[in-house]
C-alpha atoms as a PDB file:
ATOM      1  CA  UNK A   1       0.000   0.000   0.000  1.00  0.00           C
ATOM      2  CA  UNK A   2       1.625   3.208  -1.209  1.00  0.00           C
ATOM      3  CA  UNK A   3       2.503   5.889   1.379  1.00  0.00           C
ATOM      4  CA  UNK A   4       1.463   3.622   4.279  1.00  0.00           C
ATOM      5  CA  UNK A   5       3.861   3.233   7.243  1.00  0.00           C
ATOM      6  CA  UNK A   6       3.450   1.084  10.347  1.00  0.00           C
ATOM      7  CA  UNK A   7       4.491   2.652  13.640  1.00  0.00           C
ATOM      8  CA  UNK A   8       4.888   0.245  16.551  1.00  0.00           C
ATOM      9  CA  UNK A   9       5.014   1.850  19.979  1.00  0.00           C
ATOM     10  CA  UNK A  10       7.231  -0.113  22.357  1.00  0.00           C
ATOM     11  CA  UNK A  11       7.219   2.218  25.346  1.00  0.00           C
ATOM     12  CA  UNK A  12       5.870   1.591  28.824  1.00  0.00           C
ATOM     13  CA  UNK A  13       7.152  -0.402  31.760  1.00  0.00           C
ATOM     14  CA  UNK A  14       4.845  -3.417  31.762  1.00  0.00           C
ATOM     15  CA  UNK A  15       4.661  -3.260  35.557  1.00  0.00           C
ATOM     16  CA  UNK A  16       1.670  -5.598  35.719  1.00  0.00           C
ATOM     17  CA  UNK A  17       3.955  -8.402  34.510  1.00  0.00           C
ATOM     18  CA  UNK A  18       6.401  -8.140  37.395  1.00  0.00           C
ATOM     19  CA  UNK A  19       8.614 -10.018  38.186  1.00  0.00           C
ATOM     20  CA  UNK A  20       9.181 -11.158  34.588  1.00  0.00           C
ATOM     21  CA  UNK A  21       8.950  -7.625  33.218  1.00  0.00           C
ATOM     22  CA  UNK A  22      11.850  -5.371  34.219  1.00  0.00           C
ATOM     23  CA  UNK A  23      13.194  -1.948  33.254  1.00  0.00           C
ATOM     24  CA  UNK A  24      15.627  -3.620  30.864  1.00  0.00           C
ATOM     25  CA  UNK A  25      13.118  -6.086  29.390  1.00  0.00           C
ATOM     26  CA  UNK A  26       9.540  -4.800  29.684  1.00  0.00           C
ATOM     27  CA  UNK A  27       6.414  -6.525  28.392  1.00  0.00           C
ATOM     28  CA  UNK A  28       6.871  -6.012  24.601  1.00  0.00           C
ATOM     29  CA  UNK A  29      10.134  -7.955  24.732  1.00  0.00           C
ATOM     30  CA  UNK A  30       8.802 -10.877  26.774  1.00  0.00           C
ATOM     31  CA  UNK A  31       8.023 -14.318  25.464  1.00  0.00           C
ATOM     32  CA  UNK A  32       4.557 -14.682  26.996  1.00  0.00           C
ATOM     33  CA  UNK A  33       2.733 -16.411  24.146  1.00  0.00           C
ATOM     34  CA  UNK A  34       4.335 -19.090  21.984  1.00  0.00           C
ATOM     35  CA  UNK A  35       7.954 -18.942  20.853  1.00  0.00           C
ATOM     36  CA  UNK A  36       8.079 -15.276  19.805  1.00  0.00           C
ATOM     37  CA  UNK A  37       8.118 -12.140  21.922  1.00  0.00           C
ATOM     38  CA  UNK A  38       5.166  -9.763  21.785  1.00  0.00           C
ATOM     39  CA  UNK A  39       6.995  -7.219  19.623  1.00  0.00           C
ATOM     40  CA  UNK A  40       8.276  -9.906  17.275  1.00  0.00           C
ATOM     41  CA  UNK A  41       4.720 -11.143  16.748  1.00  0.00           C
ATOM     42  CA  UNK A  42       3.567  -7.580  16.063  1.00  0.00           C
ATOM     43  CA  UNK A  43       6.228  -7.022  13.401  1.00  0.00           C
ATOM     44  CA  UNK A  44       5.430 -10.435  11.897  1.00  0.00           C
ATOM     45  CA  UNK A  45       1.769  -9.417  11.695  1.00  0.00           C
ATOM     46  CA  UNK A  46       2.235  -6.089   9.891  1.00  0.00           C
ATOM     47  CA  UNK A  47       4.469  -7.534   7.178  1.00  0.00           C
ATOM     48  CA  UNK A  48       1.253  -8.526   5.400  1.00  0.00           C
ATOM     49  CA  UNK A  49       0.286  -4.854   5.239  1.00  0.00           C
ATOM     50  CA  UNK A  50       3.535  -3.043   4.401  1.00  0.00           C
ATOM     51  CA  UNK A  51       7.112  -4.052   3.528  1.00  0.00           C
ATOM     52  CA  UNK A  52       9.703  -4.020   6.321  1.00  0.00           C
ATOM     53  CA  UNK A  53      11.288  -0.843   4.975  1.00  0.00           C
ATOM     54  CA  UNK A  54       8.098   0.960   6.032  1.00  0.00           C
ATOM     55  CA  UNK A  55       7.965  -0.420   9.569  1.00  0.00           C
ATOM     56  CA  UNK A  56       9.182   1.831  12.396  1.00  0.00           C
ATOM     57  CA  UNK A  57       9.550   1.086  16.098  1.00  0.00           C
ATOM     58  CA  UNK A  58       9.362   3.908  18.646  1.00  0.00           C
ATOM     59  CA  UNK A  59      11.061   3.241  21.969  1.00  0.00           C
ATOM     60  CA  UNK A  60      13.364   4.539  24.668  1.00  0.00           C
ATOM     61  CA  UNK A  61      17.157   4.451  24.555  1.00  0.00           C
ATOM     62  CA  UNK A  62      17.241   1.869  27.358  1.00  0.00           C
ATOM     63  CA  UNK A  63      15.397  -0.674  25.184  1.00  0.00           C
ATOM     64  CA  UNK A  64      17.203  -0.057  21.907  1.00  0.00           C
ATOM     65  CA  UNK A  65      19.708  -2.893  22.277  1.00  0.00           C
ATOM     66  CA  UNK A  66      17.141  -5.577  23.099  1.00  0.00           C
ATOM     67  CA  UNK A  67      14.877  -4.309  20.302  1.00  0.00           C
ATOM     68  CA  UNK A  68      17.653  -4.468  17.713  1.00  0.00           C
ATOM     69  CA  UNK A  69      18.550  -7.958  18.881  1.00  0.00           C
ATOM     70  CA  UNK A  70      14.973  -9.215  18.619  1.00  0.00           C
ATOM     71  CA  UNK A  71      14.225  -7.343  15.371  1.00  0.00           C
ATOM     72  CA  UNK A  72      17.486  -7.800  13.510  1.00  0.00           C
ATOM     73  CA  UNK A  73      15.652  -7.626  10.167  1.00  0.00           C
ATOM     74  CA  UNK A  74      14.981  -3.911  10.650  1.00  0.00           C
ATOM     75  CA  UNK A  75      17.602  -1.345   9.684  1.00  0.00           C
ATOM     76  CA  UNK A  76      18.971   0.960  12.398  1.00  0.00           C
ATOM     77  CA  UNK A  77      17.153   3.994  10.990  1.00  0.00           C
ATOM     78  CA  UNK A  78      13.819   2.244  11.580  1.00  0.00           C
ATOM     79  CA  UNK A  79      14.191   2.599  15.346  1.00  0.00           C
ATOM     80  CA  UNK A  80      12.954   6.017  16.480  1.00  0.00           C
ATOM     81  CA  UNK A  81      14.362   6.759  19.926  1.00  0.00           C
ATOM     82  CA  UNK A  82      12.472   9.062  22.282  1.00  0.00           C
ATOM     83  CA  UNK A  83      14.748  11.089  24.583  1.00  0.00           C
ATOM     84  CA  UNK A  84      12.389  10.238  27.462  1.00  0.00           C
ATOM     85  CA  UNK A  85       8.978   8.604  27.823  1.00  0.00           C
ATOM     86  CA  UNK A  86       6.144  11.140  27.722  1.00  0.00           C
ATOM     87  CA  UNK A  87       3.166   8.878  26.883  1.00  0.00           C
ATOM     88  CA  UNK A  88       1.550   8.456  23.463  1.00  0.00           C
ATOM     89  CA  UNK A  89       0.829  12.126  22.694  1.00  0.00           C
ATOM     90  CA  UNK A  90       4.436  13.311  22.259  1.00  0.00           C
ATOM     91  CA  UNK A  91       5.416   9.857  20.918  1.00  0.00           C
ATOM     92  CA  UNK A  92       2.916  10.015  18.054  1.00  0.00           C
ATOM     93  CA  UNK A  93       3.500  13.694  17.330  1.00  0.00           C
ATOM     94  CA  UNK A  94       7.264  13.190  17.181  1.00  0.00           C
ATOM     95  CA  UNK A  95       6.895  10.208  14.846  1.00  0.00           C
ATOM     96  CA  UNK A  96       4.330  11.944  12.612  1.00  0.00           C
ATOM     97  CA  UNK A  97       6.767  14.784  12.112  1.00  0.00           C
ATOM     98  CA  UNK A  98       9.573  12.353  11.234  1.00  0.00           C
ATOM     99  CA  UNK A  99       7.439  10.447   8.719  1.00  0.00           C
ATOM    100  CA  UNK A 100       6.118  13.611   7.108  1.00  0.00           C
ATOM    101  CA  UNK A 101       9.724  14.617   6.450  1.00  0.00           C
ATOM    102  CA  UNK A 102      10.292  11.262   4.707  1.00  0.00           C
ATOM    103  CA  UNK A 103       6.987  11.313   2.796  1.00  0.00           C
ATOM    104  CA  UNK A 104       4.649  14.348   2.828  1.00  0.00           C
ATOM    105  CA  UNK A 105       1.750  12.006   1.968  1.00  0.00           C
ATOM    106  CA  UNK A 106       2.562   9.496   4.710  1.00  0.00           C
ATOM    107  CA  UNK A 107      -0.305   7.556   6.267  1.00  0.00           C
ATOM    108  CA  UNK A 108       0.469   6.187   9.720  1.00  0.00           C
ATOM    109  CA  UNK A 109      -0.833   2.904  11.092  1.00  0.00           C
ATOM    110  CA  UNK A 110      -0.033   3.226  14.797  1.00  0.00           C
ATOM    111  CA  UNK A 111      -0.277   0.327  17.242  1.00  0.00           C
ATOM    112  CA  UNK A 112       1.109  -0.930  20.553  1.00  0.00           C
ATOM    113  CA  UNK A 113       3.827  -3.574  20.437  1.00  0.00           C
ATOM    114  CA  UNK A 114       2.213  -5.960  22.895  1.00  0.00           C
ATOM    115  CA  UNK A 115      -1.311  -6.967  21.847  1.00  0.00           C
ATOM    116  CA  UNK A 116      -2.575 -10.471  21.081  1.00  0.00           C
ATOM    117  CA  UNK A 117      -4.224 -10.740  17.648  1.00  0.00           C
ATOM    118  CA  UNK A 118      -4.405 -14.338  16.416  1.00  0.00           C
ATOM    119  CA  UNK A 119      -6.232 -13.771  13.097  1.00  0.00           C
ATOM    120  CA  UNK A 120      -3.689 -12.019  10.868  1.00  0.00           C
ATOM    121  CA  UNK A 121      -5.837 -12.079   7.714  1.00  0.00           C
ATOM    122  CA  UNK A 122      -8.798 -10.376   9.393  1.00  0.00           C
ATOM    123  CA  UNK A 123      -6.409  -7.914  11.062  1.00  0.00           C
ATOM    124  CA  UNK A 124      -4.966  -6.840   7.714  1.00  0.00           C
ATOM    125  CA  UNK A 125      -8.419  -6.528   6.084  1.00  0.00           C
ATOM    126  CA  UNK A 126      -9.590  -4.281   8.925  1.00  0.00           C
ATOM    127  CA  UNK A 127      -6.512  -2.071   8.603  1.00  0.00           C
ATOM    128  CA  UNK A 128      -6.936  -1.797   4.837  1.00  0.00           C
ATOM    129  CA  UNK A 129     -10.434  -0.456   5.483  1.00  0.00           C
ATOM    130  CA  UNK A 130      -9.034   1.970   8.075  1.00  0.00           C
ATOM    131  CA  UNK A 131      -6.365   3.161   5.611  1.00  0.00           C
ATOM    132  CA  UNK A 132      -8.995   3.797   2.953  1.00  0.00           C
ATOM    133  CA  UNK A 133     -10.997   5.847   5.447  1.00  0.00           C
ATOM    134  CA  UNK A 134      -7.879   7.852   6.346  1.00  0.00           C
ATOM    135  CA  UNK A 135      -7.155   8.470   2.665  1.00  0.00           C
ATOM    136  CA  UNK A 136     -10.672   9.775   2.040  1.00  0.00           C
ATOM    137  CA  UNK A 137     -10.275  12.859   4.203  1.00  0.00           C
ATOM    138  CA  UNK A 138      -8.731  14.300   7.309  1.00  0.00           C
ATOM    139  CA  UNK A 139     -10.249  11.664   9.565  1.00  0.00           C
ATOM    140  CA  UNK A 140      -8.566  10.418  12.700  1.00  0.00           C
ATOM    141  CA  UNK A 141      -9.357   6.730  12.332  1.00  0.00           C
ATOM    142  CA  UNK A 142      -9.339   4.232  15.171  1.00  0.00           C
ATOM    143  CA  UNK A 143     -10.169   0.546  15.463  1.00  0.00           C
ATOM    144  CA  UNK A 144     -12.976  -0.483  17.794  1.00  0.00           C
ATOM    145  CA  UNK A 145     -13.327  -3.921  19.366  1.00  0.00           C
ATOM    146  CA  UNK A 146     -16.816  -5.341  19.912  1.00  0.00           C
ATOM    147  CA  UNK A 147     -17.029  -6.108  23.657  1.00  0.00           C
ATOM    148  CA  UNK A 148     -17.458  -9.741  24.645  1.00  0.00           C
ATOM    149  CA  UNK A 149     -17.820  -9.077  28.380  1.00  0.00           C
ATOM    150  CA  UNK A 150     -18.457  -6.112  30.715  1.00  0.00           C
ATOM    151  CA  UNK A 151     -14.766  -5.256  30.995  1.00  0.00           C
ATOM    152  CA  UNK A 152     -13.805  -2.551  33.493  1.00  0.00           C
ATOM    153  CA  UNK A 153     -10.129  -2.476  32.519  1.00  0.00           C
ATOM    154  CA  UNK A 154     -10.561  -0.958  29.044  1.00  0.00           C
ATOM    155  CA  UNK A 155     -11.606   2.431  27.703  1.00  0.00           C
ATOM    156  CA  UNK A 156     -14.661   2.579  25.434  1.00  0.00           C
ATOM    157  CA  UNK A 157     -15.831   4.509  22.358  1.00  0.00           C
ATOM    158  CA  UNK A 158     -19.432   5.385  21.528  1.00  0.00           C
ATOM    159  CA  UNK A 159     -20.040   4.763  17.811  1.00  0.00           C
ATOM    160  CA  UNK A 160     -22.956   6.581  16.173  1.00  0.00           C
ATOM    161  CA  UNK A 161     -23.553   7.605  12.545  1.00  0.00           C
ATOM    162  CA  UNK A 162     -22.121   5.427   9.757  1.00  0.00           C
ATOM    163  CA  UNK A 163     -20.000   7.216   7.142  1.00  0.00           C
ATOM    164  CA  UNK A 164     -19.628   5.540   3.737  1.00  0.00           C
ATOM    165  CA  UNK A 165     -16.630   6.210   1.519  1.00  0.00           C
ATOM    166  CA  UNK A 166     -15.575   5.138  -1.961  1.00  0.00           C
ATOM    167  CA  UNK A 167     -14.785   1.502  -2.633  1.00  0.00           C
ATOM    168  CA  UNK A 168     -17.523   0.128  -0.406  1.00  0.00           C
ATOM    169  CA  UNK A 169     -15.697   1.001   2.816  1.00  0.00           C
ATOM    170  CA  UNK A 170     -17.230   2.700   5.833  1.00  0.00           C
ATOM    171  CA  UNK A 171     -16.638   3.774   9.391  1.00  0.00           C
ATOM    172  CA  UNK A 172     -18.628   5.172  12.296  1.00  0.00           C
ATOM    173  CA  UNK A 173     -18.338   8.630  13.764  1.00  0.00           C
ATOM    174  CA  UNK A 174     -17.326   8.519  17.419  1.00  0.00           C
ATOM    175  CA  UNK A 175     -19.409  10.762  19.658  1.00  0.00           C
ATOM    176  CA  UNK A 176     -17.243  10.296  22.735  1.00  0.00           C
ATOM    177  CA  UNK A 177     -14.512   8.346  24.445  1.00  0.00           C
ATOM    178  CA  UNK A 178     -15.076   7.117  27.991  1.00  0.00           C
ATOM    179  CA  UNK A 179     -12.510   6.057  30.557  1.00  0.00           C
ATOM    180  CA  UNK A 180     -12.483   2.669  32.257  1.00  0.00           C
ATOM    181  CA  UNK A 181     -16.034   2.297  33.639  1.00  0.00           C
ATOM    182  CA  UNK A 182     -17.286   0.722  36.833  1.00  0.00           C
ATOM    183  CA  UNK A 183     -18.969  -2.692  36.609  1.00  0.00           C
ATOM    184  CA  UNK A 184     -22.624  -1.531  36.287  1.00  0.00           C
ATOM    185  CA  UNK A 185     -21.672   0.975  33.570  1.00  0.00           C
ATOM    186  CA  UNK A 186     -19.717  -1.682  31.670  1.00  0.00           C
ATOM    187  CA  UNK A 187     -22.785  -3.968  31.793  1.00  0.00           C
ATOM    188  CA  UNK A 188     -24.842  -1.123  30.312  1.00  0.00           C
ATOM    189  CA  UNK A 189     -22.314  -0.538  27.533  1.00  0.00           C
ATOM    190  CA  UNK A 190     -22.401  -4.214  26.614  1.00  0.00           C
ATOM    191  CA  UNK A 191     -26.200  -4.205  26.466  1.00  0.00           C
ATOM    192  CA  UNK A 192     -26.309  -0.965  24.458  1.00  0.00           C
ATOM    193  CA  UNK A 193     -24.354  -2.454  21.546  1.00  0.00           C
ATOM    194  CA  UNK A 194     -22.905   0.859  20.316  1.00  0.00           C
ATOM    195  CA  UNK A 195     -19.949   0.974  22.682  1.00  0.00           C
ATOM    196  CA  UNK A 196     -16.646  -0.534  21.574  1.00  0.00           C
ATOM    197  CA  UNK A 197     -13.377  -1.169  23.334  1.00  0.00           C
ATOM    198  CA  UNK A 198     -10.644   1.293  22.476  1.00  0.00           C
ATOM    199  CA  UNK A 199      -7.938  -0.873  20.880  1.00  0.00           C
ATOM    200  CA  UNK A 200      -5.246   1.812  20.853  1.00  0.00           C
ATOM    201  CA  UNK A 201      -4.766   1.217  17.110  1.00  0.00           C
ATOM    202  CA  UNK A 202      -4.920   4.402  15.014  1.00  0.00           C
ATOM    203  CA  UNK A 203      -4.700   5.223  11.299  1.00  0.00           C
ATOM    204  CA  UNK A 204      -4.341   8.732   9.878  1.00  0.00           C
ATOM    205  CA  UNK A 205      -2.437  10.949   7.520  1.00  0.00           C
ATOM    206  CA  UNK A 206       0.655  12.297   9.272  1.00  0.00           C
ATOM    207  CA  UNK A 207      -0.381  15.788   8.260  1.00  0.00           C
ATOM    208  CA  UNK A 208      -3.910  15.285   9.645  1.00  0.00           C
ATOM    209  CA  UNK A 209      -2.764  14.185  13.100  1.00  0.00           C
ATOM    210  CA  UNK A 210      -0.302  17.081  13.280  1.00  0.00           C
ATOM    211  CA  UNK A 211      -3.137  19.471  12.404  1.00  0.00           C
ATOM    212  CA  UNK A 212      -5.232  17.902  15.154  1.00  0.00           C
ATOM    213  CA  UNK A 213      -2.385  18.277  17.638  1.00  0.00           C
ATOM    214  CA  UNK A 214      -2.001  21.897  16.580  1.00  0.00           C
ATOM    215  CA  UNK A 215      -5.691  22.550  17.268  1.00  0.00           C
ATOM    216  CA  UNK A 216      -6.164  20.604  20.503  1.00  0.00           C
ATOM    217  CA  UNK A 217      -2.632  20.303  21.947  1.00  0.00           C
ATOM    218  CA  UNK A 218      -1.046  23.655  21.026  1.00  0.00           C
ATOM    219  CA  UNK A 219       1.775  23.445  23.570  1.00  0.00           C
ATOM    220  CA  UNK A 220       2.884  20.078  22.206  1.00  0.00           C
ATOM    221  CA  UNK A 221       2.604  21.326  18.623  1.00  0.00           C
ATOM    222  CA  UNK A 222       4.749  24.364  19.383  1.00  0.00           C
ATOM    223  CA  UNK A 223       7.420  22.112  20.886  1.00  0.00           C
ATOM    224  CA  UNK A 224       7.308  19.765  17.889  1.00  0.00           C
ATOM    225  CA  UNK A 225       7.883  22.691  15.529  1.00  0.00           C
ATOM    226  CA  UNK A 226      10.864  23.766  17.633  1.00  0.00           C
ATOM    227  CA  UNK A 227      12.193  20.199  17.415  1.00  0.00           C
ATOM    228  CA  UNK A 228      11.735  20.359  13.639  1.00  0.00           C
ATOM    229  CA  UNK A 229      13.950  23.435  13.527  1.00  0.00           C
ATOM    230  CA  UNK A 230      16.540  21.763  15.787  1.00  0.00           C
ATOM    231  CA  UNK A 231      16.657  18.726  13.490  1.00  0.00           C
ATOM    232  CA  UNK A 232      17.381  20.944  10.491  1.00  0.00           C
ATOM    233  CA  UNK A 233      20.249  22.632  12.354  1.00  0.00           C
ATOM    234  CA  UNK A 234      21.524  19.331  13.882  1.00  0.00           C
ATOM    235  CA  UNK A 235      21.055  20.499  17.492  1.00  0.00           C
ATOM    236  CA  UNK A 236      20.542  17.138  19.185  1.00  0.00           C
ATOM    237  CA  UNK A 237      20.903  18.562  22.692  1.00  0.00           C
ATOM    238  CA  UNK A 238      18.132  21.070  21.939  1.00  0.00           C
ATOM    239  CA  UNK A 239      15.839  18.232  20.770  1.00  0.00           C
ATOM    240  CA  UNK A 240      16.434  16.375  24.017  1.00  0.00           C
ATOM    241  CA  UNK A 241      15.750  19.493  26.097  1.00  0.00           C
ATOM    242  CA  UNK A 242      12.487  20.283  24.299  1.00  0.00           C
ATOM    243  CA  UNK A 243      11.197  16.708  24.463  1.00  0.00           C
ATOM    244  CA  UNK A 244      11.917  16.444  28.176  1.00  0.00           C
ATOM    245  CA  UNK A 245       9.825  19.549  28.681  1.00  0.00           C
ATOM    246  CA  UNK A 246       6.709  17.968  27.165  1.00  0.00           C
ATOM    247  CA  UNK A 247       3.758  17.162  29.399  1.00  0.00           C
ATOM    248  CA  UNK A 248       3.182  13.419  29.760  1.00  0.00           C
ATOM    249  CA  UNK A 249      -0.182  12.971  28.042  1.00  0.00           C
ATOM    250  CA  UNK A 250      -1.921  10.286  26.020  1.00  0.00           C
ATOM    251  CA  UNK A 251      -3.124  10.875  22.476  1.00  0.00           C
ATOM    252  CA  UNK A 252      -6.578   9.715  23.617  1.00  0.00           C
ATOM    253  CA  UNK A 253      -6.899  12.377  26.293  1.00  0.00           C
ATOM    254  CA  UNK A 254      -5.078  15.148  24.450  1.00  0.00           C
ATOM    255  CA  UNK A 255      -6.604  14.731  20.989  1.00  0.00           C
ATOM    256  CA  UNK A 256      -9.073  11.904  20.373  1.00  0.00           C
ATOM    257  CA  UNK A 257     -11.483  12.853  23.181  1.00  0.00           C
ATOM    258  CA  UNK A 258     -11.663  16.436  21.876  1.00  0.00           C
ATOM    259  CA  UNK A 259     -11.679  16.005  18.081  1.00  0.00           C
ATOM    260  CA  UNK A 260     -14.911  15.908  16.062  1.00  0.00           C
ATOM    261  CA  UNK A 261     -13.414  14.049  13.087  1.00  0.00           C
ATOM    262  CA  UNK A 262     -12.823  10.661  14.725  1.00  0.00           C
ATOM    263  CA  UNK A 263     -13.958   7.693  12.648  1.00  0.00           C
ATOM    264  CA  UNK A 264     -14.084   4.157  14.039  1.00  0.00           C
ATOM    265  CA  UNK A 265     -13.663   0.996  11.996  1.00  0.00           C
ATOM    266  CA  UNK A 266     -15.055  -2.177  13.539  1.00  0.00           C
ATOM    267  CA  UNK A 267     -12.461  -4.872  14.120  1.00  0.00           C
ATOM    268  CA  UNK A 268     -13.200  -8.219  12.535  1.00  0.00           C
ATOM    269  CA  UNK A 269     -10.457 -10.015  14.426  1.00  0.00           C
ATOM    270  CA  UNK A 270      -9.870 -11.505  17.854  1.00  0.00           C
ATOM    271  CA  UNK A 271      -8.051  -9.137  20.189  1.00  0.00           C
ATOM    272  CA  UNK A 272      -6.716  -8.920  23.715  1.00  0.00           C
ATOM    273  CA  UNK A 273      -4.326  -6.365  25.154  1.00  0.00           C
ATOM    274  CA  UNK A 274      -2.817  -9.039  27.423  1.00  0.00           C
ATOM    275  CA  UNK A 275      -2.624  -6.439  30.155  1.00  0.00           C
ATOM    276  CA  UNK A 276      -2.261  -8.694  33.190  1.00  0.00           C
ATOM    277  CA  UNK A 277      -1.132 -12.187  34.111  1.00  0.00           C
ATOM    278  CA  UNK A 278      -4.716 -13.458  34.322  1.00  0.00           C
ATOM    279  CA  UNK A 279      -5.375 -12.385  30.713  1.00  0.00           C
ATOM    280  CA  UNK A 280      -3.264 -15.376  29.669  1.00  0.00           C
ATOM    281  CA  UNK A 281      -6.141 -17.560  30.885  1.00  0.00           C
ATOM    282  CA  UNK A 282      -8.326 -15.955  28.184  1.00  0.00           C
ATOM    283  CA  UNK A 283      -6.049 -16.310  25.202  1.00  0.00           C
ATOM    284  CA  UNK A 284      -3.941 -19.433  25.685  1.00  0.00           C
ATOM    285  CA  UNK A 285      -4.573 -23.155  25.813  1.00  0.00           C
ATOM    286  CA  UNK A 286      -5.243 -24.395  29.332  1.00  0.00           C
ATOM    287  CA  UNK A 287      -4.805 -27.812  30.888  1.00  0.00           C
ATOM    288  CA  UNK A 288      -7.748 -29.927  32.032  1.00  0.00           C
ATOM    289  CA  UNK A 289      -7.853 -28.087  35.350  1.00  0.00           C
ATOM    290  CA  UNK A 290      -8.033 -24.653  33.734  1.00  0.00           C
ATOM    291  CA  UNK A 291      -4.417 -23.731  34.434  1.00  0.00           C
ATOM    292  CA  UNK A 292      -1.978 -21.955  32.150  1.00  0.00           C
ATOM    293  CA  UNK A 293       1.526 -23.218  32.880  1.00  0.00           C
ATOM    294  CA  UNK A 294       4.961 -22.288  31.575  1.00  0.00           C
ATOM    295  CA  UNK A 295       8.124 -24.168  32.407  1.00  0.00           C
ATOM    296  CA  UNK A 296       7.742 -27.534  34.126  1.00  0.00           C
ATOM    297  CA  UNK A 297       5.641 -26.942  37.247  1.00  0.00           C
ATOM    298  CA  UNK A 298       4.437 -29.768  39.452  1.00  0.00           C
ATOM    299  CA  UNK A 299       0.739 -29.162  40.142  1.00  0.00           C
ATOM    300  CA  UNK A 300      -1.355 -31.230  42.562  1.00  0.00           C
ATOM    301  CA  UNK A 301      -5.032 -30.402  43.062  1.00  0.00           C
ATOM    302  CA  UNK A 302      -4.501 -27.032  41.378  1.00  0.00           C
ATOM    303  CA  UNK A 303      -7.195 -25.200  39.394  1.00  0.00           C
ATOM    304  CA  UNK A 304      -7.634 -21.977  37.385  1.00  0.00           C
ATOM    305  CA  UNK A 305      -4.120 -20.692  38.014  1.00  0.00           C
ATOM    306  CA  UNK A 306      -1.366 -19.032  36.015  1.00  0.00           C
ATOM    307  CA  UNK A 307       1.874 -20.772  36.956  1.00  0.00           C
ATOM    308  CA  UNK A 308       4.981 -19.418  35.256  1.00  0.00           C
ATOM    309  CA  UNK A 309       8.428 -20.739  36.111  1.00  0.00           C
ATOM    310  CA  UNK A 310      11.260 -18.915  34.346  1.00  0.00           C
ATOM    311  CA  UNK A 311      13.921 -21.638  34.564  1.00  0.00           C
ATOM    312  CA  UNK A 312      12.686 -22.320  38.104  1.00  0.00           C
ATOM    313  CA  UNK A 313      10.641 -25.335  39.160  1.00  0.00           C
ATOM    314  CA  UNK A 314       7.349 -24.330  40.789  1.00  0.00           C
ATOM    315  CA  UNK A 315       5.256 -26.735  42.853  1.00  0.00           C
ATOM    316  CA  UNK A 316       1.630 -26.168  43.905  1.00  0.00           C
ATOM    317  CA  UNK A 317      -0.767 -28.165  46.096  1.00  0.00           C
ATOM    318  CA  UNK A 318      -4.453 -27.553  46.731  1.00  0.00           C
ATOM    319  CA  UNK A 319      -4.716 -24.006  45.402  1.00  0.00           C
ATOM    320  CA  UNK A 320      -6.980 -22.237  42.909  1.00  0.00           C
ATOM    321  CA  UNK A 321      -7.434 -18.846  41.238  1.00  0.00           C
ATOM    322  CA  UNK A 322      -3.832 -17.754  41.865  1.00  0.00           C
ATOM    323  CA  UNK A 323      -1.077 -16.103  39.848  1.00  0.00           C
ATOM    324  CA  UNK A 324       2.280 -17.699  40.671  1.00  0.00           C
ATOM    325  CA  UNK A 325       5.357 -16.438  38.853  1.00  0.00           C
ATOM    326  CA  UNK A 326       8.953 -17.257  39.738  1.00  0.00           C
ATOM    327  CA  UNK A 327      11.963 -15.715  38.029  1.00  0.00           C
ATOM    328  CA  UNK A 328      15.499 -14.652  38.906  1.00  0.00           C
ATOM    329  CA  UNK A 329      14.129 -11.176  39.689  1.00  0.00           C
ATOM    330  CA  UNK A 330      11.460 -12.193  42.162  1.00  0.00           C
ATOM    331  CA  UNK A 331       8.477 -14.353  43.054  1.00  0.00           C
ATOM    332  CA  UNK A 332       4.844 -13.271  42.724  1.00  0.00           C
ATOM    333  CA  UNK A 333       1.906 -14.976  44.432  1.00  0.00           C
ATOM    334  CA  UNK A 334      -1.444 -13.205  44.211  1.00  0.00           C
ATOM    335  CA  UNK A 335      -5.167 -13.696  43.887  1.00  0.00           C
ATOM    336  CA  UNK A 336      -6.001 -13.785  40.167  1.00  0.00           C
ATOM    337  CA  UNK A 337      -8.683 -11.150  40.743  1.00  0.00           C
ATOM    338  CA  UNK A 338      -6.082  -8.704  42.033  1.00  0.00           C
ATOM    339  CA  UNK A 339      -3.370  -9.034  39.419  1.00  0.00           C
ATOM    340  CA  UNK A 340      -3.948  -5.403  38.351  1.00  0.00           C
ATOM    341  CA  UNK A 341      -2.240  -4.514  41.647  1.00  0.00           C
ATOM    342  CA  UNK A 342       1.005  -6.212  40.634  1.00  0.00           C
ATOM    343  CA  UNK A 343       2.237  -2.844  39.428  1.00  0.00           C
ATOM    344  CA  UNK A 344       2.170  -1.625  43.057  1.00  0.00           C
ATOM    345  CA  UNK A 345       4.969  -4.050  43.881  1.00  0.00           C
ATOM    346  CA  UNK A 346       7.004  -2.860  40.899  1.00  0.00           C
ATOM    347  CA  UNK A 347       6.540   0.778  41.937  1.00  0.00           C
ATOM    348  CA  UNK A 348       7.532   0.092  45.540  1.00  0.00           C
ATOM    349  CA  UNK A 349      10.682  -1.717  44.369  1.00  0.00           C
ATOM    350  CA  UNK A 350      11.514   1.198  42.096  1.00  0.00           C
ATOM    351  CA  UNK A 351      11.397   3.572  45.077  1.00  0.00           C
ATOM    352  CA  UNK A 352      13.510   1.348  47.310  1.00  0.00           C
END
């Protein structure tokens, strides 16, 4: 697809996957599912959409070495290094500016590095539709996931009027984005049928997203233009200084929730953000007792558990609904219903 570029965001700390996830090797670089790491599977998936010379990975300096090792097929210039993590707003703006310099007509397909999408054919067909929508005008296109349960851990989008474009493609205008709801609200969204999970996958013209940032995130836009000038004059230290001064803000909060030109394409593929240890119970094959195991654990009278031994033998007796992870960096034992709180341990260790 001409002028189309895939941007894979590999930032974040992956704190909910402590103790396996660390500062050096966060979630995108972990081998959680199958024989490939999450970021390797993401790059494998997009090769059906664009050639490798149009795949870019955005990440921090501290993860550059592991990324290059795992993605040796990508040239060095396809790793865009952020001076410091400032969430998806500055990340996407910075990358849009870089791609526009390469190709003024660039269309960006932006996605996280660590999602589980088993149906590659359906994934590509959905993104082709999203690209066509982005080509048709200055739409900010996103991919919506039809909810399968009243999930309180995801953000939602409210899809309303259908917009048809040339070629038989269409999308739905988004009236609003909503943050992670409480349980009764999530039940209502599921029953309504017009609310979709926010996948965090975006498609737009680089120029269009920069215009949106200019309108709704003027401080960020001003800084990006100053970075553009610093790039021309080869002032790397100035780029670093400006980027570090950016507010940490997501593209959802800073732009998508405010814009009136957001178009949603319905996903026709299975999807999970694999955000916590217990999510592995949803997406992977389980044993007869409902356990997901990795390594060679010894399980006696054990049910509905995640048991992950990273070159460490784990033994369990008479337990259920637990997350048990053992690695060289620590041991986690928690109620499966509280695995969102794993990040609290990671944060406390970071302070110590």
